[in-house]
Amino acid sequence: QSTALGQETSVPLKRPDIENVVREYILQHPEVLLDSIRMYQERERAAQQQKLKDAVEQHQADLINDPAAPFAGDPGSAITLVEFFDYHCGYCKQVAPTVAKLLSGRSNLRVVFKEFPILGPDSTMAAKAALAAHRQGSYFRFHQALMGSSEPISPGAIERLAVKLGLDVAKLKADMESQDIKAALE
């Protein structure tokens, strides 16, 4: 069969032909794969952020009004900041002075502290100690001292800090192992 000049005949491509065309294109333009991976990661990041935002919105009242959560500032404030942190987190340690400054400079702010020990057993130990210090009315002082400490978190470091702050060390240690503190962290 003849065709007019400039016209092409259409022949259906078979799967191996399509796979070869795609393979050749990717080999000639590998940046397409990197763009695809970046786009996928961005979609996953956006989905995760939306999931977190939805969870915070869904549990906002519980986060803000948790009677067991330590807080600093004006208990009747219309402005509440909820801070999730880990004592091993470098970024958390960097922001701690800013949070303290906000609290000292504003009478209409309440900061609710949410222990979020995700960086290992030492983080969990520090969170338990801070919550145990809360039982002695010294949460914020203990929190600030832990955040400001450059000493590695250890049982000895926690005990030294408790002594320095005038806490009952035996009570602190016992409270650290209590079921309600474990449940609060879970």
N, C-alpha and C. Protein backbone atom coordinates (compact mmCIF):
# COMPACT_ATOMS: atom_id res chain seq x y z
N GLN A 1 0.84 -1.18 0.00
CA GLN A 1 0.00 0.00 0.00
C GLN A 1 0.88 1.23 0.00
N SER A 2 0.46 2.18 -0.75
CA SER A 2 1.25 3.39 -0.83
C SER A 2 0.55 4.49 -0.05
N THR A 3 1.36 5.42 0.44
CA THR A 3 0.81 6.56 1.16
C THR A 3 1.28 7.82 0.49
N ALA A 4 0.56 8.88 0.68
CA ALA A 4 0.95 10.16 0.10
C ALA A 4 2.19 10.66 0.82
N LEU A 5 2.97 11.46 0.13
CA LEU A 5 4.17 12.02 0.73
C LEU A 5 3.82 12.82 1.99
N GLY A 6 4.63 12.64 3.04
CA GLY A 6 4.45 13.40 4.27
C GLY A 6 3.47 12.77 5.23
N GLN A 7 2.83 11.71 4.83
CA GLN A 7 1.91 11.05 5.74
C GLN A 7 2.57 9.81 6.31
N GLU A 8 2.30 9.54 7.56
CA GLU A 8 2.85 8.34 8.19
C GLU A 8 1.72 7.37 8.45
N THR A 9 2.06 6.14 8.38
CA THR A 9 1.05 5.14 8.72
C THR A 9 1.15 4.86 10.20
N SER A 10 0.04 4.61 10.81
CA SER A 10 0.00 4.35 12.24
C SER A 10 -0.02 2.85 12.47
N VAL A 11 0.99 2.38 13.19
CA VAL A 11 1.08 0.97 13.52
C VAL A 11 1.01 0.87 15.04
N PRO A 12 0.11 0.07 15.56
CA PRO A 12 0.03 -0.05 17.02
C PRO A 12 1.35 -0.59 17.59
N LEU A 13 1.83 0.09 18.65
CA LEU A 13 3.07 -0.36 19.30
C LEU A 13 2.76 -1.47 20.27
N LYS A 14 3.66 -2.40 20.31
CA LYS A 14 3.54 -3.50 21.26
C LYS A 14 4.29 -3.13 22.54
N ARG A 15 3.97 -3.79 23.64
CA ARG A 15 4.56 -3.49 24.95
C ARG A 15 6.09 -3.43 24.91
N PRO A 16 6.80 -4.40 24.32
CA PRO A 16 8.27 -4.31 24.30
C PRO A 16 8.76 -3.05 23.57
N ASP A 17 8.05 -2.63 22.55
CA ASP A 17 8.44 -1.40 21.84
C ASP A 17 8.30 -0.18 22.75
N ILE A 18 7.19 -0.13 23.48
CA ILE A 18 6.95 0.99 24.39
C ILE A 18 8.00 1.00 25.50
N GLU A 19 8.29 -0.16 26.06
CA GLU A 19 9.29 -0.26 27.12
C GLU A 19 10.66 0.20 26.62
N ASN A 20 11.01 -0.14 25.39
CA ASN A 20 12.29 0.29 24.81
C ASN A 20 12.33 1.80 24.63
N VAL A 21 11.22 2.39 24.19
CA VAL A 21 11.17 3.84 24.01
C VAL A 21 11.33 4.54 25.37
N VAL A 22 10.62 4.07 26.37
CA VAL A 22 10.72 4.66 27.71
C VAL A 22 12.13 4.50 28.26
N ARG A 23 12.70 3.32 28.11
CA ARG A 23 14.06 3.06 28.60
C ARG A 23 15.06 4.00 27.94
N GLU A 24 14.97 4.14 26.65
CA GLU A 24 15.88 5.02 25.92
C GLU A 24 15.72 6.47 26.38
N TYR A 25 14.48 6.87 26.57
CA TYR A 25 14.24 8.25 27.02
C TYR A 25 14.87 8.49 28.40
N ILE A 26 14.66 7.54 29.31
CA ILE A 26 15.22 7.68 30.66
C ILE A 26 16.74 7.69 30.62
N LEU A 27 17.34 6.85 29.79
CA LEU A 27 18.79 6.83 29.68
C LEU A 27 19.33 8.14 29.11
N GLN A 28 18.59 8.74 28.22
CA GLN A 28 19.03 10.01 27.63
C GLN A 28 18.70 11.20 28.53
N HIS A 29 17.72 11.04 29.41
CA HIS A 29 17.29 12.14 30.29
C HIS A 29 17.12 11.62 31.73
N PRO A 30 18.20 11.23 32.41
CA PRO A 30 18.09 10.65 33.76
C PRO A 30 17.53 11.64 34.79
N GLU A 31 17.61 12.92 34.51
CA GLU A 31 17.08 13.90 35.45
C GLU A 31 15.56 13.75 35.64
N VAL A 32 14.90 13.10 34.70
CA VAL A 32 13.47 12.85 34.82
C VAL A 32 13.19 11.99 36.06
N LEU A 33 14.05 11.02 36.32
CA LEU A 33 13.88 10.18 37.51
C LEU A 33 14.05 10.99 38.78
N LEU A 34 15.06 11.86 38.81
CA LEU A 34 15.29 12.69 40.00
C LEU A 34 14.11 13.63 40.22
N ASP A 35 13.59 14.21 39.13
CA ASP A 35 12.42 15.08 39.25
C ASP A 35 11.23 14.30 39.79
N SER A 36 11.08 13.09 39.32
CA SER A 36 9.98 12.24 39.77
C SER A 36 10.11 11.91 41.25
N ILE A 37 11.31 11.59 41.69
CA ILE A 37 11.56 11.28 43.10
C ILE A 37 11.30 12.51 43.97
N ARG A 38 11.78 13.68 43.53
CA ARG A 38 11.54 14.91 44.28
C ARG A 38 10.05 15.20 44.40
N MET A 39 9.33 15.03 43.31
CA MET A 39 7.90 15.28 43.31
C MET A 39 7.19 14.30 44.27
N TYR A 40 7.59 13.05 44.24
CA TYR A 40 7.01 12.06 45.13
C TYR A 40 7.29 12.42 46.59
N GLN A 41 8.53 12.80 46.90
CA GLN A 41 8.89 13.16 48.27
C GLN A 41 8.10 14.38 48.73
N GLU A 42 7.93 15.34 47.85
CA GLU A 42 7.18 16.54 48.20
C GLU A 42 5.71 16.19 48.47
N ARG A 43 5.14 15.32 47.67
CA ARG A 43 3.76 14.89 47.90
C ARG A 43 3.64 14.17 49.23
N GLU A 44 4.60 13.30 49.53
CA GLU A 44 4.58 12.56 50.80
C GLU A 44 4.74 13.52 51.98
N ARG A 45 5.62 14.50 51.84
CA ARG A 45 5.84 15.49 52.90
C ARG A 45 4.56 16.30 53.13
N ALA A 46 3.92 16.72 52.04
CA ALA A 46 2.68 17.49 52.15
C ALA A 46 1.58 16.65 52.79
N ALA A 47 1.49 15.38 52.41
CA ALA A 47 0.48 14.49 52.99
C ALA A 47 0.73 14.30 54.47
N GLN A 48 2.00 14.14 54.86
CA GLN A 48 2.34 13.97 56.27
C GLN A 48 2.02 15.24 57.05
N GLN A 49 2.34 16.40 56.50
CA GLN A 49 2.04 17.66 57.17
C GLN A 49 0.53 17.83 57.34
N GLN A 50 -0.22 17.46 56.33
CA GLN A 50 -1.68 17.56 56.43
C GLN A 50 -2.21 16.61 57.48
N LYS A 51 -1.63 15.42 57.54
CA LYS A 51 -2.04 14.42 58.53
C LYS A 51 -1.78 14.96 59.94
N LEU A 52 -0.60 15.56 60.14
CA LEU A 52 -0.28 16.14 61.45
C LEU A 52 -1.21 17.29 61.79
N LYS A 53 -1.46 18.15 60.81
CA LYS A 53 -2.36 19.29 61.02
C LYS A 53 -3.75 18.80 61.40
N ASP A 54 -4.24 17.79 60.69
CA ASP A 54 -5.56 17.23 61.00
C ASP A 54 -5.59 16.65 62.41
N ALA A 55 -4.52 15.96 62.79
CA ALA A 55 -4.46 15.36 64.13
C ALA A 55 -4.45 16.44 65.21
N VAL A 56 -3.71 17.50 64.98
CA VAL A 56 -3.66 18.60 65.95
C VAL A 56 -5.04 19.25 66.06
N GLU A 57 -5.69 19.49 64.91
CA GLU A 57 -7.02 20.10 64.95
C GLU A 57 -8.02 19.19 65.66
N GLN A 58 -7.93 17.90 65.39
CA GLN A 58 -8.84 16.94 65.98
C GLN A 58 -8.66 16.86 67.50
N HIS A 59 -7.42 17.01 67.97
CA HIS A 59 -7.12 16.86 69.39
C HIS A 59 -6.76 18.19 70.06
N GLN A 60 -7.07 19.30 69.41
CA GLN A 60 -6.67 20.61 69.92
C GLN A 60 -7.15 20.85 71.35
N ALA A 61 -8.39 20.58 71.63
CA ALA A 61 -8.90 20.82 72.98
C ALA A 61 -8.16 19.97 74.01
N ASP A 62 -7.89 18.72 73.66
CA ASP A 62 -7.15 17.84 74.58
C ASP A 62 -5.73 18.35 74.80
N LEU A 63 -5.10 18.85 73.75
CA LEU A 63 -3.73 19.35 73.87
C LEU A 63 -3.67 20.60 74.74
N ILE A 64 -4.59 21.48 74.53
CA ILE A 64 -4.57 22.77 75.23
C ILE A 64 -5.06 22.63 76.68
N ASN A 65 -6.04 21.76 76.90
CA ASN A 65 -6.69 21.69 78.21
C ASN A 65 -6.34 20.45 79.02
N ASP A 66 -5.26 19.78 78.69
CA ASP A 66 -4.85 18.58 79.42
C ASP A 66 -4.43 18.98 80.84
N PRO A 67 -5.22 18.59 81.85
CA PRO A 67 -4.90 19.02 83.21
C PRO A 67 -3.60 18.40 83.75
N ALA A 68 -3.15 17.31 83.16
CA ALA A 68 -1.92 16.67 83.63
C ALA A 68 -0.67 17.25 82.97
N ALA A 69 -0.84 18.02 81.91
CA ALA A 69 0.32 18.56 81.18
C ALA A 69 0.93 19.73 81.92
N PRO A 70 2.24 19.73 82.05
CA PRO A 70 2.90 20.88 82.66
C PRO A 70 2.74 22.11 81.77
N PHE A 71 2.67 23.26 82.40
CA PHE A 71 2.59 24.50 81.64
C PHE A 71 3.30 25.60 82.40
N ALA A 72 3.57 26.67 81.69
CA ALA A 72 4.15 27.86 82.31
C ALA A 72 3.38 29.05 81.77
N GLY A 73 3.33 30.11 82.55
CA GLY A 73 2.62 31.31 82.13
C GLY A 73 1.26 31.42 82.80
N ASP A 74 0.45 32.27 82.23
CA ASP A 74 -0.87 32.59 82.76
C ASP A 74 -1.86 31.46 82.48
N PRO A 75 -2.36 30.78 83.52
CA PRO A 75 -3.28 29.66 83.29
C PRO A 75 -4.58 30.08 82.61
N GLY A 76 -4.99 31.33 82.75
CA GLY A 76 -6.23 31.80 82.14
C GLY A 76 -6.04 32.52 80.83
N SER A 77 -4.85 32.41 80.26
CA SER A 77 -4.54 33.16 79.04
C SER A 77 -5.39 32.71 77.86
N ALA A 78 -5.69 33.67 77.01
CA ALA A 78 -6.41 33.37 75.76
C ALA A 78 -5.44 32.83 74.71
N ILE A 79 -4.15 33.01 74.94
CA ILE A 79 -3.14 32.54 73.99
C ILE A 79 -2.40 31.36 74.60
N THR A 80 -2.46 30.23 73.91
CA THR A 80 -1.77 29.03 74.38
C THR A 80 -0.88 28.50 73.27
N LEU A 81 0.35 28.26 73.62
CA LEU A 81 1.32 27.65 72.72
C LEU A 81 1.58 26.24 73.25
N VAL A 82 1.44 25.24 72.39
CA VAL A 82 1.73 23.87 72.78
C VAL A 82 3.05 23.50 72.13
N GLU A 83 4.01 23.11 72.97
CA GLU A 83 5.35 22.77 72.46
C GLU A 83 5.63 21.29 72.65
N PHE A 84 5.90 20.60 71.55
CA PHE A 84 6.35 19.22 71.57
C PHE A 84 7.86 19.26 71.46
N PHE A 85 8.57 18.50 72.27
CA PHE A 85 10.03 18.58 72.25
C PHE A 85 10.64 17.30 72.79
N ASP A 86 11.94 17.18 72.55
CA ASP A 86 12.76 16.08 73.06
C ASP A 86 14.02 16.72 73.63
N TYR A 87 14.44 16.27 74.79
CA TYR A 87 15.62 16.86 75.44
C TYR A 87 16.91 16.59 74.68
N HIS A 88 16.90 15.66 73.74
CA HIS A 88 18.08 15.40 72.91
C HIS A 88 18.05 16.17 71.59
N CYS A 89 16.98 16.86 71.33
CA CYS A 89 16.82 17.56 70.05
C CYS A 89 17.57 18.90 70.08
N GLY A 90 18.52 19.05 69.18
CA GLY A 90 19.30 20.28 69.11
C GLY A 90 18.45 21.49 68.80
N TYR A 91 17.48 21.33 67.91
CA TYR A 91 16.59 22.44 67.56
C TYR A 91 15.73 22.84 68.76
N CYS A 92 15.27 21.84 69.50
CA CYS A 92 14.47 22.12 70.69
C CYS A 92 15.29 22.91 71.71
N LYS A 93 16.55 22.51 71.86
CA LYS A 93 17.42 23.23 72.80
C LYS A 93 17.66 24.66 72.33
N GLN A 94 17.76 24.86 71.02
CA GLN A 94 17.97 26.21 70.50
C GLN A 94 16.76 27.11 70.71
N VAL A 95 15.57 26.56 70.64
CA VAL A 95 14.36 27.37 70.77
C VAL A 95 13.97 27.61 72.23
N ALA A 96 14.48 26.81 73.15
CA ALA A 96 14.11 26.92 74.56
C ALA A 96 14.32 28.33 75.13
N PRO A 97 15.45 29.01 74.86
CA PRO A 97 15.59 30.38 75.38
C PRO A 97 14.55 31.35 74.82
N THR A 98 14.14 31.12 73.57
CA THR A 98 13.13 31.99 72.96
C THR A 98 11.78 31.78 73.63
N VAL A 99 11.44 30.54 73.93
CA VAL A 99 10.19 30.25 74.63
C VAL A 99 10.22 30.89 76.02
N ALA A 100 11.34 30.76 76.72
CA ALA A 100 11.47 31.38 78.05
C ALA A 100 11.34 32.89 77.96
N LYS A 101 11.93 33.47 76.92
CA LYS A 101 11.85 34.93 76.74
C LYS A 101 10.41 35.35 76.45
N LEU A 102 9.72 34.58 75.63
CA LEU A 102 8.30 34.88 75.35
C LEU A 102 7.49 34.86 76.64
N LEU A 103 7.75 33.88 77.48
CA LEU A 103 7.01 33.76 78.74
C LEU A 103 7.31 34.91 79.69
N SER A 104 8.56 35.34 79.71
CA SER A 104 8.92 36.41 80.64
C SER A 104 8.44 37.77 80.15
N GLY A 105 8.24 37.90 78.86
CA GLY A 105 7.86 39.20 78.31
C GLY A 105 6.38 39.38 78.09
N ARG A 106 5.59 38.35 78.33
CA ARG A 106 4.15 38.44 78.06
C ARG A 106 3.38 37.91 79.26
N SER A 107 2.37 38.66 79.64
CA SER A 107 1.55 38.19 80.75
C SER A 107 0.32 37.43 80.24
N ASN A 108 0.10 37.43 78.94
CA ASN A 108 -1.10 36.79 78.40
C ASN A 108 -0.78 35.53 77.59
N LEU A 109 0.27 34.82 77.98
CA LEU A 109 0.69 33.63 77.25
C LEU A 109 0.81 32.45 78.21
N ARG A 110 0.35 31.32 77.73
CA ARG A 110 0.51 30.06 78.46
C ARG A 110 1.17 29.09 77.49
N VAL A 111 2.22 28.41 77.96
CA VAL A 111 2.91 27.40 77.15
C VAL A 111 2.66 26.05 77.80
N VAL A 112 2.07 25.14 77.01
CA VAL A 112 1.83 23.78 77.47
C VAL A 112 2.96 22.93 76.91
N PHE A 113 3.62 22.19 77.78
CA PHE A 113 4.77 21.39 77.39
C PHE A 113 4.36 19.94 77.19
N LYS A 114 4.66 19.42 76.02
CA LYS A 114 4.36 18.03 75.69
C LYS A 114 5.66 17.28 75.46
N GLU A 115 5.97 16.43 76.42
CA GLU A 115 7.17 15.59 76.31
C GLU A 115 6.99 14.66 75.11
N PHE A 116 7.97 14.65 74.24
CA PHE A 116 7.90 13.83 73.02
C PHE A 116 9.24 13.14 72.82
N PRO A 117 9.58 12.19 73.71
CA PRO A 117 10.91 11.57 73.70
C PRO A 117 11.05 10.52 72.59
N ILE A 118 11.51 10.98 71.45
CA ILE A 118 11.62 10.08 70.29
C ILE A 118 13.06 9.77 69.91
N LEU A 119 14.00 10.35 70.61
CA LEU A 119 15.41 10.20 70.21
C LEU A 119 16.19 9.24 71.10
N GLY A 120 15.51 8.26 71.66
CA GLY A 120 16.22 7.22 72.39
C GLY A 120 15.87 7.13 73.85
N PRO A 121 16.44 6.12 74.52
CA PRO A 121 16.14 5.87 75.94
C PRO A 121 16.52 7.03 76.86
N ASP A 122 17.59 7.75 76.54
CA ASP A 122 17.97 8.88 77.38
C ASP A 122 16.92 9.99 77.31
N SER A 123 16.31 10.15 76.14
CA SER A 123 15.23 11.13 76.00
C SER A 123 14.05 10.74 76.88
N THR A 124 13.74 9.46 76.90
CA THR A 124 12.63 8.97 77.72
C THR A 124 12.95 9.18 79.20
N MET A 125 14.19 8.89 79.60
CA MET A 125 14.59 9.08 80.98
C MET A 125 14.45 10.56 81.37
N ALA A 126 14.89 11.46 80.52
CA ALA A 126 14.79 12.89 80.80
C ALA A 126 13.34 13.33 80.90
N ALA A 127 12.50 12.83 80.01
CA ALA A 127 11.08 13.19 80.03
C ALA A 127 10.43 12.69 81.32
N LYS A 128 10.76 11.47 81.73
CA LYS A 128 10.22 10.93 82.98
C LYS A 128 10.67 11.81 84.16
N ALA A 129 11.92 12.21 84.16
CA ALA A 129 12.44 13.04 85.25
C ALA A 129 11.74 14.39 85.29
N ALA A 130 11.52 14.99 84.13
CA ALA A 130 10.84 16.29 84.09
C ALA A 130 9.41 16.17 84.60
N LEU A 131 8.71 15.11 84.19
CA LEU A 131 7.34 14.91 84.68
C LEU A 131 7.33 14.61 86.17
N ALA A 132 8.35 13.91 86.65
CA ALA A 132 8.46 13.66 88.09
C ALA A 132 8.76 14.97 88.83
N ALA A 133 9.55 15.84 88.25
CA ALA A 133 9.83 17.15 88.85
C ALA A 133 8.55 17.98 88.91
N HIS A 134 7.68 17.78 87.92
CA HIS A 134 6.39 18.47 87.90
C HIS A 134 5.58 18.15 89.15
N ARG A 135 5.67 16.91 89.62
CA ARG A 135 4.96 16.50 90.84
C ARG A 135 5.46 17.24 92.07
N GLN A 136 6.67 17.79 91.96
CA GLN A 136 7.24 18.55 93.08
C GLN A 136 7.14 20.05 92.83
N GLY A 137 6.37 20.42 91.82
CA GLY A 137 6.16 21.84 91.53
C GLY A 137 7.35 22.53 90.88
N SER A 138 8.25 21.77 90.28
CA SER A 138 9.47 22.36 89.70
C SER A 138 9.66 22.01 88.24
N TYR A 139 8.58 21.79 87.52
CA TYR A 139 8.72 21.37 86.14
C TYR A 139 9.51 22.37 85.30
N PHE A 140 9.05 23.62 85.27
CA PHE A 140 9.65 24.58 84.35
C PHE A 140 11.11 24.83 84.68
N ARG A 141 11.47 24.89 85.95
CA ARG A 141 12.88 25.07 86.33
C ARG A 141 13.70 23.87 85.88
N PHE A 142 13.17 22.67 86.11
CA PHE A 142 13.86 21.45 85.71
C PHE A 142 13.99 21.39 84.18
N HIS A 143 12.89 21.71 83.50
CA HIS A 143 12.88 21.72 82.03
C HIS A 143 13.95 22.67 81.49
N GLN A 144 13.97 23.89 82.00
CA GLN A 144 14.95 24.87 81.54
C GLN A 144 16.38 24.39 81.81
N ALA A 145 16.59 23.81 82.96
CA ALA A 145 17.93 23.32 83.30
C ALA A 145 18.35 22.18 82.37
N LEU A 146 17.43 21.26 82.08
CA LEU A 146 17.75 20.17 81.15
C LEU A 146 18.02 20.71 79.75
N MET A 147 17.19 21.64 79.31
CA MET A 147 17.37 22.21 77.97
C MET A 147 18.68 22.99 77.87
N GLY A 148 19.08 23.60 78.96
CA GLY A 148 20.30 24.40 78.95
C GLY A 148 21.57 23.62 79.26
N SER A 149 21.41 22.37 79.61
CA SER A 149 22.56 21.56 80.01
C SER A 149 23.32 21.02 78.79
N SER A 150 24.62 21.09 78.88
CA SER A 150 25.45 20.48 77.83
C SER A 150 25.95 19.10 78.26
N GLU A 151 25.66 18.75 79.51
CA GLU A 151 26.05 17.44 80.04
C GLU A 151 25.17 16.36 79.43
N PRO A 152 25.74 15.23 79.05
CA PRO A 152 24.91 14.14 78.53
C PRO A 152 23.88 13.69 79.56
N ILE A 153 22.71 13.33 79.07
CA ILE A 153 21.66 12.87 79.98
C ILE A 153 22.03 11.48 80.50
N SER A 154 22.02 11.38 81.81
CA SER A 154 22.33 10.11 82.48
C SER A 154 21.64 10.13 83.83
N PRO A 155 21.53 8.98 84.48
CA PRO A 155 20.94 8.99 85.83
C PRO A 155 21.70 9.92 86.78
N GLY A 156 23.01 9.93 86.67
CA GLY A 156 23.81 10.81 87.53
C GLY A 156 23.55 12.28 87.25
N ALA A 157 23.45 12.63 85.97
CA ALA A 157 23.19 14.03 85.60
C ALA A 157 21.82 14.47 86.11
N ILE A 158 20.85 13.59 86.00
CA ILE A 158 19.49 13.92 86.47
C ILE A 158 19.50 14.10 87.99
N GLU A 159 20.21 13.22 88.67
CA GLU A 159 20.27 13.33 90.13
C GLU A 159 20.97 14.62 90.55
N ARG A 160 22.07 14.96 89.89
CA ARG A 160 22.80 16.20 90.21
C ARG A 160 21.90 17.42 89.98
N LEU A 161 21.17 17.39 88.92
CA LEU A 161 20.27 18.51 88.59
C LEU A 161 19.16 18.61 89.65
N ALA A 162 18.61 17.48 90.06
CA ALA A 162 17.55 17.47 91.07
C ALA A 162 18.08 18.03 92.40
N VAL A 163 19.28 17.62 92.77
CA VAL A 163 19.89 18.14 94.01
C VAL A 163 20.09 19.64 93.89
N LYS A 164 20.62 20.08 92.78
CA LYS A 164 20.88 21.51 92.56
C LYS A 164 19.60 22.33 92.68
N LEU A 165 18.48 21.77 92.21
CA LEU A 165 17.21 22.49 92.25
C LEU A 165 16.45 22.28 93.57
N GLY A 166 17.04 21.50 94.49
CA GLY A 166 16.42 21.29 95.79
C GLY A 166 15.25 20.31 95.78
N LEU A 167 15.26 19.39 94.83
CA LEU A 167 14.18 18.41 94.75
C LEU A 167 14.47 17.21 95.64
N ASP A 168 13.43 16.50 96.00
CA ASP A 168 13.55 15.26 96.75
C ASP A 168 13.94 14.18 95.73
N VAL A 169 15.20 13.78 95.73
CA VAL A 169 15.73 12.87 94.72
C VAL A 169 15.09 11.49 94.81
N ALA A 170 14.89 10.99 96.02
CA ALA A 170 14.26 9.67 96.17
C ALA A 170 12.84 9.68 95.59
N LYS A 171 12.10 10.74 95.88
CA LYS A 171 10.73 10.86 95.34
C LYS A 171 10.77 10.99 93.82
N LEU A 172 11.72 11.76 93.32
CA LEU A 172 11.86 11.94 91.86
C LEU A 172 12.08 10.59 91.19
N LYS A 173 13.01 9.81 91.74
CA LYS A 173 13.31 8.50 91.15
C LYS A 173 12.10 7.57 91.20
N ALA A 174 11.40 7.58 92.32
CA ALA A 174 10.21 6.72 92.44
C ALA A 174 9.13 7.17 91.46
N ASP A 175 8.92 8.48 91.37
CA ASP A 175 7.89 9.00 90.47
C ASP A 175 8.23 8.74 89.00
N MET A 176 9.50 8.73 88.68
CA MET A 176 9.92 8.46 87.30
C MET A 176 9.44 7.08 86.83
N GLU A 177 9.27 6.17 87.77
CA GLU A 177 8.85 4.81 87.42
C GLU A 177 7.35 4.58 87.59
N SER A 178 6.62 5.64 87.92
CA SER A 178 5.19 5.48 88.14
C SER A 178 4.45 5.17 86.84
N GLN A 179 3.35 4.47 86.97
CA GLN A 179 2.56 4.06 85.81
C GLN A 179 1.93 5.25 85.10
N ASP A 180 1.52 6.28 85.84
CA ASP A 180 0.88 7.40 85.16
C ASP A 180 1.87 8.24 84.35
N ILE A 181 3.12 8.31 84.79
CA ILE A 181 4.13 9.01 83.98
C ILE A 181 4.45 8.19 82.74
N LYS A 182 4.56 6.88 82.90
CA LYS A 182 4.78 6.02 81.73
C LYS A 182 3.62 6.16 80.75
N ALA A 183 2.39 6.18 81.27
CA ALA A 183 1.20 6.30 80.42
C ALA A 183 1.18 7.65 79.72
N ALA A 184 1.58 8.72 80.41
CA ALA A 184 1.59 10.05 79.80
C ALA A 184 2.54 10.10 78.61
N LEU A 185 3.65 9.39 78.71
CA LEU A 185 4.63 9.39 77.61
C LEU A 185 4.16 8.51 76.46
N GLU A 186 3.43 7.46 76.78
CA GLU A 186 2.91 6.59 75.72
C GLU A 186 1.81 7.29 74.96
